[in-house]
Amino acid sequence: MKIETISFNPKPRNQSEILISWGSGETTSLLFNSIYPLQVKEYYERAIYNLFKEKHDIISFDELFGLFSWWFVRHNLIMPLMVATFSNEDRKRIGARIKEIRDEMKLEAKQLSMITGIDAANLSRIEQGKCSAGVDTLAKIANALGYKIDFVKLNNNVMNQLSIHLGKHSDSFEYLQSLSEKEAKSLCSTLNLSIGEKKEVSFWTGGIPELIAVVSFEKKPTGEVIYEIDYSQSTL
């Protein structure tokens, strides 16, 4: 996974966003419930580049939430509220749909630009799938066209990585290990996996987030879901 660019954007309600563009065409958005990343851009940028120098063999975008959270906490940086990755196909599909609806309404691009307050050139790039648009921008466009943004359920193979909070950071490590074992066993019966599918789940402490462990689950041909708990990445 090769990084092309890293950019920082302010968001409403004192939130901020880091956008990472990959050489493969995808874009990953890291949303923070703070403007802190904007104040220490160089630290986050350095941390991200160093992460992928060390973890250069990562091939799945599903791993990124737990990975970024663990890495940032390890480097005394706040962890993201959420991580989402969008592909070229997503951008093209969304852009094409916007243009399709606009054409159905016989609404010119300039008119949509005036209604939404989005620069006409940027709107054109969004429709062509040449740039990523944030949720706020997409919401403006959707509202102007008489639509709303909603979540559509995807199949299990494209669901984001889970993150679960257990206990408190002040609890003993032995107690947190026992909670982790109990939670991992419980997840074996609730995770909806296909045969041969693997999934990682990050276990964090509540309150002040510290990584307890990363748990790998896999569904065997027999239908049994097995797990392995890795405590070596713990920040405790």
C-alpha atoms as a PDB file:
ATOM      1  CA  MET A   1       0.000   0.000   0.000  1.00  0.00           C
ATOM      2  CA  LYS A   2       1.741   3.132  -1.267  1.00  0.00           C
ATOM      3  CA  ILE A   3       0.754   6.564   0.049  1.00  0.00           C
ATOM      4  CA  GLU A   4       0.344   9.254  -2.610  1.00  0.00           C
ATOM      5  CA  THR A   5      -0.776  12.232  -0.506  1.00  0.00           C
ATOM      6  CA  ILE A   6      -1.904  13.091   3.034  1.00  0.00           C
ATOM      7  CA  SER A   7      -4.184  16.073   3.634  1.00  0.00           C
ATOM      8  CA  PHE A   8      -5.816  17.598   6.724  1.00  0.00           C
ATOM      9  CA  ASN A   9      -9.296  19.126   6.753  1.00  0.00           C
ATOM     10  CA  PRO A  10     -11.310  20.962   9.420  1.00  0.00           C
ATOM     11  CA  LYS A  11     -14.826  19.605   9.989  1.00  0.00           C
ATOM     12  CA  PRO A  12     -17.947  20.991  11.724  1.00  0.00           C
ATOM     13  CA  ARG A  13     -18.450  20.615  15.494  1.00  0.00           C
ATOM     14  CA  ASN A  14     -14.713  20.906  16.246  1.00  0.00           C
ATOM     15  CA  GLN A  15     -13.919  17.714  14.374  1.00  0.00           C
ATOM     16  CA  SER A  16     -11.116  17.143  11.876  1.00  0.00           C
ATOM     17  CA  GLU A  17     -10.238  14.712   9.120  1.00  0.00           C
ATOM     18  CA  ILE A  18      -7.078  13.225   7.665  1.00  0.00           C
ATOM     19  CA  LEU A  19      -7.389  12.058   4.058  1.00  0.00           C
ATOM     20  CA  ILE A  20      -4.872   9.531   2.723  1.00  0.00           C
ATOM     21  CA  SER A  21      -4.754   8.934  -1.038  1.00  0.00           C
ATOM     22  CA  TRP A  22      -3.265   5.590  -2.054  1.00  0.00           C
ATOM     23  CA  GLY A  23      -1.389   4.676  -5.205  1.00  0.00           C
ATOM     24  CA  SER A  24      -4.081   2.084  -5.956  1.00  0.00           C
ATOM     25  CA  GLY A  25      -6.695   4.846  -6.252  1.00  0.00           C
ATOM     26  CA  GLU A  26      -8.487   4.423  -2.925  1.00  0.00           C
ATOM     27  CA  THR A  27      -8.859   7.199  -0.363  1.00  0.00           C
ATOM     28  CA  THR A  28      -8.979   6.596   3.393  1.00  0.00           C
ATOM     29  CA  SER A  29     -10.704   9.086   5.692  1.00  0.00           C
ATOM     30  CA  LEU A  30      -9.752   9.269   9.382  1.00  0.00           C
ATOM     31  CA  LEU A  31     -12.320  11.270  11.355  1.00  0.00           C
ATOM     32  CA  PHE A  32     -11.320  12.746  14.741  1.00  0.00           C
ATOM     33  CA  ASN A  33     -13.585  14.191  17.401  1.00  0.00           C
ATOM     34  CA  SER A  34     -11.061  17.004  17.942  1.00  0.00           C
ATOM     35  CA  ILE A  35      -9.076  19.611  16.002  1.00  0.00           C
ATOM     36  CA  TYR A  36      -5.866  18.347  17.618  1.00  0.00           C
ATOM     37  CA  PRO A  37      -4.590  16.648  14.407  1.00  0.00           C
ATOM     38  CA  LEU A  38      -4.769  20.043  12.653  1.00  0.00           C
ATOM     39  CA  GLN A  39      -2.543  21.541  15.339  1.00  0.00           C
ATOM     40  CA  VAL A  40       0.140  18.847  15.099  1.00  0.00           C
ATOM     41  CA  LYS A  41      -0.025  17.911  11.414  1.00  0.00           C
ATOM     42  CA  GLU A  42       3.674  17.091  11.144  1.00  0.00           C
ATOM     43  CA  TYR A  43       3.435  14.526  13.965  1.00  0.00           C
ATOM     44  CA  TYR A  44       0.493  12.706  12.408  1.00  0.00           C
ATOM     45  CA  GLU A  45       2.019  12.816   8.933  1.00  0.00           C
ATOM     46  CA  ARG A  46       5.321  11.426  10.218  1.00  0.00           C
ATOM     47  CA  ALA A  47       3.516   8.738  12.235  1.00  0.00           C
ATOM     48  CA  ILE A  48       1.482   7.616   9.211  1.00  0.00           C
ATOM     49  CA  TYR A  49       4.506   7.381   6.914  1.00  0.00           C
ATOM     50  CA  ASN A  50       6.500   5.526   9.587  1.00  0.00           C
ATOM     51  CA  LEU A  51       3.622   3.109  10.173  1.00  0.00           C
ATOM     52  CA  PHE A  52       3.612   1.997   6.559  1.00  0.00           C
ATOM     53  CA  LYS A  53       7.376   1.726   6.461  1.00  0.00           C
ATOM     54  CA  GLU A  54       7.133  -0.731   9.338  1.00  0.00           C
ATOM     55  CA  LYS A  55       3.900  -2.429   8.216  1.00  0.00           C
ATOM     56  CA  HIS A  56       4.543  -2.452   4.484  1.00  0.00           C
ATOM     57  CA  ASP A  57       2.890  -5.861   3.990  1.00  0.00           C
ATOM     58  CA  ILE A  58      -0.647  -4.705   4.847  1.00  0.00           C
ATOM     59  CA  ILE A  59      -2.993  -5.651   2.023  1.00  0.00           C
ATOM     60  CA  SER A  60      -6.468  -5.232   3.534  1.00  0.00           C
ATOM     61  CA  PHE A  61      -8.185  -1.904   4.189  1.00  0.00           C
ATOM     62  CA  ASP A  62     -10.304  -3.715   6.827  1.00  0.00           C
ATOM     63  CA  GLU A  63      -7.268  -3.666   9.141  1.00  0.00           C
ATOM     64  CA  LEU A  64      -6.837   0.096   9.197  1.00  0.00           C
ATOM     65  CA  PHE A  65      -9.038   1.230  12.100  1.00  0.00           C
ATOM     66  CA  GLY A  66      -7.350  -1.012  14.655  1.00  0.00           C
ATOM     67  CA  LEU A  67      -3.942  -0.388  13.136  1.00  0.00           C
ATOM     68  CA  PHE A  68      -4.179   3.416  13.179  1.00  0.00           C
ATOM     69  CA  SER A  69      -5.699   3.404  16.683  1.00  0.00           C
ATOM     70  CA  TRP A  70      -2.907   1.207  18.070  1.00  0.00           C
ATOM     71  CA  TRP A  71      -0.159   3.188  16.299  1.00  0.00           C
ATOM     72  CA  PHE A  72      -1.416   6.634  17.299  1.00  0.00           C
ATOM     73  CA  VAL A  73      -1.879   5.663  20.959  1.00  0.00           C
ATOM     74  CA  ARG A  74       1.601   4.166  20.920  1.00  0.00           C
ATOM     75  CA  HIS A  75       2.944   7.540  19.727  1.00  0.00           C
ATOM     76  CA  ASN A  76       0.902   9.603  22.225  1.00  0.00           C
ATOM     77  CA  LEU A  77      -1.526  10.846  19.574  1.00  0.00           C
ATOM     78  CA  ILE A  78      -5.304  10.667  19.858  1.00  0.00           C
ATOM     79  CA  MET A  79      -6.978   7.822  17.990  1.00  0.00           C
ATOM     80  CA  PRO A  80      -9.579   8.336  15.235  1.00  0.00           C
ATOM     81  CA  LEU A  81     -13.297   8.200  15.853  1.00  0.00           C
ATOM     82  CA  MET A  82     -13.769   6.238  12.640  1.00  0.00           C
ATOM     83  CA  VAL A  83     -11.854   5.111   9.565  1.00  0.00           C
ATOM     84  CA  ALA A  84     -13.424   4.555   6.158  1.00  0.00           C
ATOM     85  CA  THR A  85     -11.908   3.761   2.772  1.00  0.00           C
ATOM     86  CA  PHE A  86     -13.454   4.689  -0.568  1.00  0.00           C
ATOM     87  CA  SER A  87     -12.375   3.232  -3.879  1.00  0.00           C
ATOM     88  CA  ASN A  88     -12.231   4.760  -7.350  1.00  0.00           C
ATOM     89  CA  GLU A  89     -15.309   2.706  -8.182  1.00  0.00           C
ATOM     90  CA  ASP A  90     -17.196   4.225  -5.239  1.00  0.00           C
ATOM     91  CA  ARG A  91     -16.314   7.755  -6.367  1.00  0.00           C
ATOM     92  CA  LYS A  92     -17.282   7.021  -9.977  1.00  0.00           C
ATOM     93  CA  ARG A  93     -20.522   5.330  -8.953  1.00  0.00           C
ATOM     94  CA  ILE A  94     -21.560   8.196  -6.641  1.00  0.00           C
ATOM     95  CA  GLY A  95     -20.522  10.843  -9.172  1.00  0.00           C
ATOM     96  CA  ALA A  96     -22.408   9.130 -11.987  1.00  0.00           C
ATOM     97  CA  ARG A  97     -25.511   8.842  -9.810  1.00  0.00           C
ATOM     98  CA  ILE A  98     -25.390  12.558  -8.950  1.00  0.00           C
ATOM     99  CA  LYS A  99     -25.156  13.457 -12.637  1.00  0.00           C
ATOM    100  CA  GLU A 100     -27.942  11.008 -13.502  1.00  0.00           C
ATOM    101  CA  ILE A 101     -30.332  12.567 -10.968  1.00  0.00           C
ATOM    102  CA  ARG A 102     -29.334  16.085 -12.010  1.00  0.00           C
ATOM    103  CA  ASP A 103     -30.023  15.265 -15.680  1.00  0.00           C
ATOM    104  CA  GLU A 104     -33.390  13.703 -14.774  1.00  0.00           C
ATOM    105  CA  MET A 105     -34.315  16.958 -13.033  1.00  0.00           C
ATOM    106  CA  LYS A 106     -33.063  18.937 -16.052  1.00  0.00           C
ATOM    107  CA  LEU A 107     -30.849  20.869 -13.653  1.00  0.00           C
ATOM    108  CA  GLU A 108     -27.681  22.384 -15.058  1.00  0.00           C
ATOM    109  CA  ALA A 109     -24.400  21.918 -13.200  1.00  0.00           C
ATOM    110  CA  LYS A 110     -24.136  25.695 -12.700  1.00  0.00           C
ATOM    111  CA  GLN A 111     -27.557  25.744 -11.053  1.00  0.00           C
ATOM    112  CA  LEU A 112     -26.646  22.896  -8.697  1.00  0.00           C
ATOM    113  CA  SER A 113     -23.418  24.723  -7.883  1.00  0.00           C
ATOM    114  CA  MET A 114     -25.338  27.887  -6.951  1.00  0.00           C
ATOM    115  CA  ILE A 115     -27.875  25.976  -4.822  1.00  0.00           C
ATOM    116  CA  THR A 116     -25.261  24.029  -2.873  1.00  0.00           C
ATOM    117  CA  GLY A 117     -22.548  26.680  -2.734  1.00  0.00           C
ATOM    118  CA  ILE A 118     -20.056  24.150  -4.101  1.00  0.00           C
ATOM    119  CA  ASP A 119     -17.582  25.457  -6.652  1.00  0.00           C
ATOM    120  CA  ALA A 120     -18.634  24.413 -10.177  1.00  0.00           C
ATOM    121  CA  ALA A 121     -15.187  22.980 -10.956  1.00  0.00           C
ATOM    122  CA  ASN A 122     -15.250  20.861  -7.777  1.00  0.00           C
ATOM    123  CA  LEU A 123     -18.771  19.698  -8.548  1.00  0.00           C
ATOM    124  CA  SER A 124     -17.624  18.615 -12.003  1.00  0.00           C
ATOM    125  CA  ARG A 125     -14.747  16.616 -10.515  1.00  0.00           C
ATOM    126  CA  ILE A 126     -17.123  14.930  -8.053  1.00  0.00           C
ATOM    127  CA  GLU A 127     -19.478  13.921 -10.879  1.00  0.00           C
ATOM    128  CA  GLN A 128     -16.550  12.519 -12.840  1.00  0.00           C
ATOM    129  CA  GLY A 129     -15.314  10.569  -9.820  1.00  0.00           C
ATOM    130  CA  LYS A 130     -11.998  12.405  -9.849  1.00  0.00           C
ATOM    131  CA  CYS A 131     -12.053  13.518  -6.218  1.00  0.00           C
ATOM    132  CA  SER A 132     -13.420  12.356  -2.881  1.00  0.00           C
ATOM    133  CA  ALA A 133     -16.290  14.320  -1.355  1.00  0.00           C
ATOM    134  CA  GLY A 134     -16.877  14.469   2.380  1.00  0.00           C
ATOM    135  CA  VAL A 135     -20.184  13.576   4.005  1.00  0.00           C
ATOM    136  CA  ASP A 136     -21.120  17.243   4.465  1.00  0.00           C
ATOM    137  CA  THR A 137     -20.565  17.981   0.774  1.00  0.00           C
ATOM    138  CA  LEU A 138     -22.513  14.904  -0.339  1.00  0.00           C
ATOM    139  CA  ALA A 139     -25.342  15.821   2.052  1.00  0.00           C
ATOM    140  CA  LYS A 140     -25.594  19.296   0.470  1.00  0.00           C
ATOM    141  CA  ILE A 141     -25.782  17.783  -3.006  1.00  0.00           C
ATOM    142  CA  ALA A 142     -28.292  15.120  -1.945  1.00  0.00           C
ATOM    143  CA  ASN A 143     -30.555  17.654  -0.216  1.00  0.00           C
ATOM    144  CA  ALA A 144     -30.470  19.943  -3.236  1.00  0.00           C
ATOM    145  CA  LEU A 145     -31.573  17.028  -5.423  1.00  0.00           C
ATOM    146  CA  GLY A 146     -34.314  15.954  -3.013  1.00  0.00           C
ATOM    147  CA  TYR A 147     -32.457  12.961  -1.610  1.00  0.00           C
ATOM    148  CA  LYS A 148     -30.746  12.029   1.657  1.00  0.00           C
ATOM    149  CA  ILE A 149     -27.620  10.039   2.500  1.00  0.00           C
ATOM    150  CA  ASP A 150     -28.292   6.684   4.157  1.00  0.00           C
ATOM    151  CA  PHE A 151     -26.500   3.420   4.987  1.00  0.00           C
ATOM    152  CA  VAL A 152     -27.120   0.410   2.772  1.00  0.00           C
ATOM    153  CA  LYS A 153     -26.148  -2.950   4.254  1.00  0.00           C
ATOM    154  CA  LEU A 154     -23.245  -4.648   2.486  1.00  0.00           C
ATOM    155  CA  ASN A 155     -22.274  -8.300   2.614  1.00  0.00           C
ATOM    156  CA  ASN A 156     -20.106  -9.507   5.483  1.00  0.00           C
ATOM    157  CA  ASN A 157     -16.924  -9.570   3.393  1.00  0.00           C
ATOM    158  CA  VAL A 158     -16.806  -5.793   3.200  1.00  0.00           C
ATOM    159  CA  MET A 159     -17.805  -4.900   6.748  1.00  0.00           C
ATOM    160  CA  ASN A 160     -15.379  -2.727   8.672  1.00  0.00           C
ATOM    161  CA  GLN A 161     -13.191  -4.111  11.409  1.00  0.00           C
ATOM    162  CA  LEU A 162     -14.781  -4.273  14.848  1.00  0.00           C
ATOM    163  CA  SER A 163     -13.452  -2.474  17.893  1.00  0.00           C
ATOM    164  CA  ILE A 164     -14.644  -3.470  21.379  1.00  0.00           C
ATOM    165  CA  HIS A 165     -14.051  -1.748  24.731  1.00  0.00           C
ATOM    166  CA  LEU A 166     -13.537  -3.805  27.895  1.00  0.00           C
ATOM    167  CA  GLY A 167     -12.875  -2.792  31.502  1.00  0.00           C
ATOM    168  CA  LYS A 168     -10.778   0.272  32.400  1.00  0.00           C
ATOM    169  CA  HIS A 169      -7.153   1.185  31.758  1.00  0.00           C
ATOM    170  CA  SER A 170      -6.555   1.039  35.527  1.00  0.00           C
ATOM    171  CA  ASP A 171      -7.639  -2.634  35.738  1.00  0.00           C
ATOM    172  CA  SER A 172      -4.936  -5.260  36.167  1.00  0.00           C
ATOM    173  CA  PHE A 173      -3.670  -6.839  32.975  1.00  0.00           C
ATOM    174  CA  GLU A 174      -4.662 -10.286  34.279  1.00  0.00           C
ATOM    175  CA  TYR A 175      -8.255  -9.079  34.729  1.00  0.00           C
ATOM    176  CA  LEU A 176      -8.301  -7.560  31.236  1.00  0.00           C
ATOM    177  CA  GLN A 177      -6.975 -10.837  29.854  1.00  0.00           C
ATOM    178  CA  SER A 178      -9.828 -12.724  31.490  1.00  0.00           C
ATOM    179  CA  LEU A 179     -12.346 -10.246  30.034  1.00  0.00           C
ATOM    180  CA  SER A 180     -10.737 -10.650  26.628  1.00  0.00           C
ATOM    181  CA  GLU A 181     -10.961 -14.445  26.759  1.00  0.00           C
ATOM    182  CA  LYS A 182     -14.625 -14.271  27.766  1.00  0.00           C
ATOM    183  CA  GLU A 183     -15.469 -11.738  25.036  1.00  0.00           C
ATOM    184  CA  ALA A 184     -13.568 -13.698  22.358  1.00  0.00           C
ATOM    185  CA  LYS A 185     -15.485 -16.884  23.212  1.00  0.00           C
ATOM    186  CA  SER A 186     -18.760 -14.953  23.063  1.00  0.00           C
ATOM    187  CA  LEU A 187     -17.909 -13.472  19.658  1.00  0.00           C
ATOM    188  CA  CYS A 188     -17.296 -16.942  18.237  1.00  0.00           C
ATOM    189  CA  SER A 189     -21.040 -17.533  18.421  1.00  0.00           C
ATOM    190  CA  THR A 190     -22.142 -14.084  17.217  1.00  0.00           C
ATOM    191  CA  LEU A 191     -19.733 -13.218  14.368  1.00  0.00           C
ATOM    192  CA  ASN A 192     -21.332 -13.974  11.004  1.00  0.00           C
ATOM    193  CA  LEU A 193     -18.395 -15.336   8.987  1.00  0.00           C
ATOM    194  CA  SER A 194     -18.254 -17.357   5.786  1.00  0.00           C
ATOM    195  CA  ILE A 195     -16.239 -20.565   5.553  1.00  0.00           C
ATOM    196  CA  GLY A 196     -12.558 -19.640   5.411  1.00  0.00           C
ATOM    197  CA  GLU A 197     -13.229 -15.964   6.209  1.00  0.00           C
ATOM    198  CA  LYS A 198     -10.960 -14.255   8.720  1.00  0.00           C
ATOM    199  CA  LYS A 199     -11.628 -11.139  10.798  1.00  0.00           C
ATOM    200  CA  GLU A 200      -9.637  -9.130  13.308  1.00  0.00           C
ATOM    201  CA  VAL A 201     -11.185  -7.402  16.322  1.00  0.00           C
ATOM    202  CA  SER A 202      -9.339  -4.868  18.487  1.00  0.00           C
ATOM    203  CA  PHE A 203      -9.994  -4.947  22.241  1.00  0.00           C
ATOM    204  CA  TRP A 204      -9.526  -1.562  23.962  1.00  0.00           C
ATOM    205  CA  THR A 205      -9.976  -0.361  27.516  1.00  0.00           C
ATOM    206  CA  GLY A 206     -12.876   1.969  28.263  1.00  0.00           C
ATOM    207  CA  GLY A 207     -12.321   5.577  29.363  1.00  0.00           C
ATOM    208  CA  ILE A 208      -8.724   6.283  28.429  1.00  0.00           C
ATOM    209  CA  PRO A 209      -8.233   3.990  25.401  1.00  0.00           C
ATOM    210  CA  GLU A 210      -5.362   1.535  25.642  1.00  0.00           C
ATOM    211  CA  LEU A 211      -5.038  -1.426  23.307  1.00  0.00           C
ATOM    212  CA  ILE A 212      -5.430  -4.706  25.202  1.00  0.00           C
ATOM    213  CA  ALA A 213      -5.123  -7.170  22.342  1.00  0.00           C
ATOM    214  CA  VAL A 214      -5.922  -7.921  18.717  1.00  0.00           C
ATOM    215  CA  VAL A 215      -8.043 -11.042  18.260  1.00  0.00           C
ATOM    216  CA  SER A 216      -8.092 -13.011  14.994  1.00  0.00           C
ATOM    217  CA  PHE A 217     -11.174 -15.091  14.166  1.00  0.00           C
ATOM    218  CA  GLU A 218     -11.519 -17.685  11.416  1.00  0.00           C
ATOM    219  CA  LYS A 219     -14.349 -19.975  10.355  1.00  0.00           C
ATOM    220  CA  LYS A 220     -13.149 -23.487   9.594  1.00  0.00           C
ATOM    221  CA  PRO A 221     -14.695 -25.812   6.933  1.00  0.00           C
ATOM    222  CA  THR A 222     -16.392 -27.654   9.818  1.00  0.00           C
ATOM    223  CA  GLY A 223     -18.303 -24.462  10.645  1.00  0.00           C
ATOM    224  CA  GLU A 224     -16.396 -23.895  13.883  1.00  0.00           C
ATOM    225  CA  VAL A 225     -15.142 -20.361  14.561  1.00  0.00           C
ATOM    226  CA  ILE A 226     -11.733 -20.341  16.220  1.00  0.00           C
ATOM    227  CA  TYR A 227      -9.800 -17.412  17.651  1.00  0.00           C
ATOM    228  CA  GLU A 228      -6.289 -16.386  18.595  1.00  0.00           C
ATOM    229  CA  ILE A 229      -5.544 -13.509  20.972  1.00  0.00           C
ATOM    230  CA  ASP A 230      -2.389 -11.466  20.363  1.00  0.00           C
ATOM    231  CA  TYR A 231      -1.335  -9.465  23.433  1.00  0.00           C
ATOM    232  CA  SER A 232       2.037  -8.506  21.963  1.00  0.00           C
ATOM    233  CA  GLN A 233       0.625  -5.254  20.487  1.00  0.00           C
ATOM    234  CA  SER A 234      -0.871  -4.114  23.801  1.00  0.00           C
ATOM    235  CA  THR A 235      -0.114  -0.535  24.845  1.00  0.00           C
ATOM    236  CA  LEU A 236      -0.667  -1.333  28.540  1.00  0.00           C
END
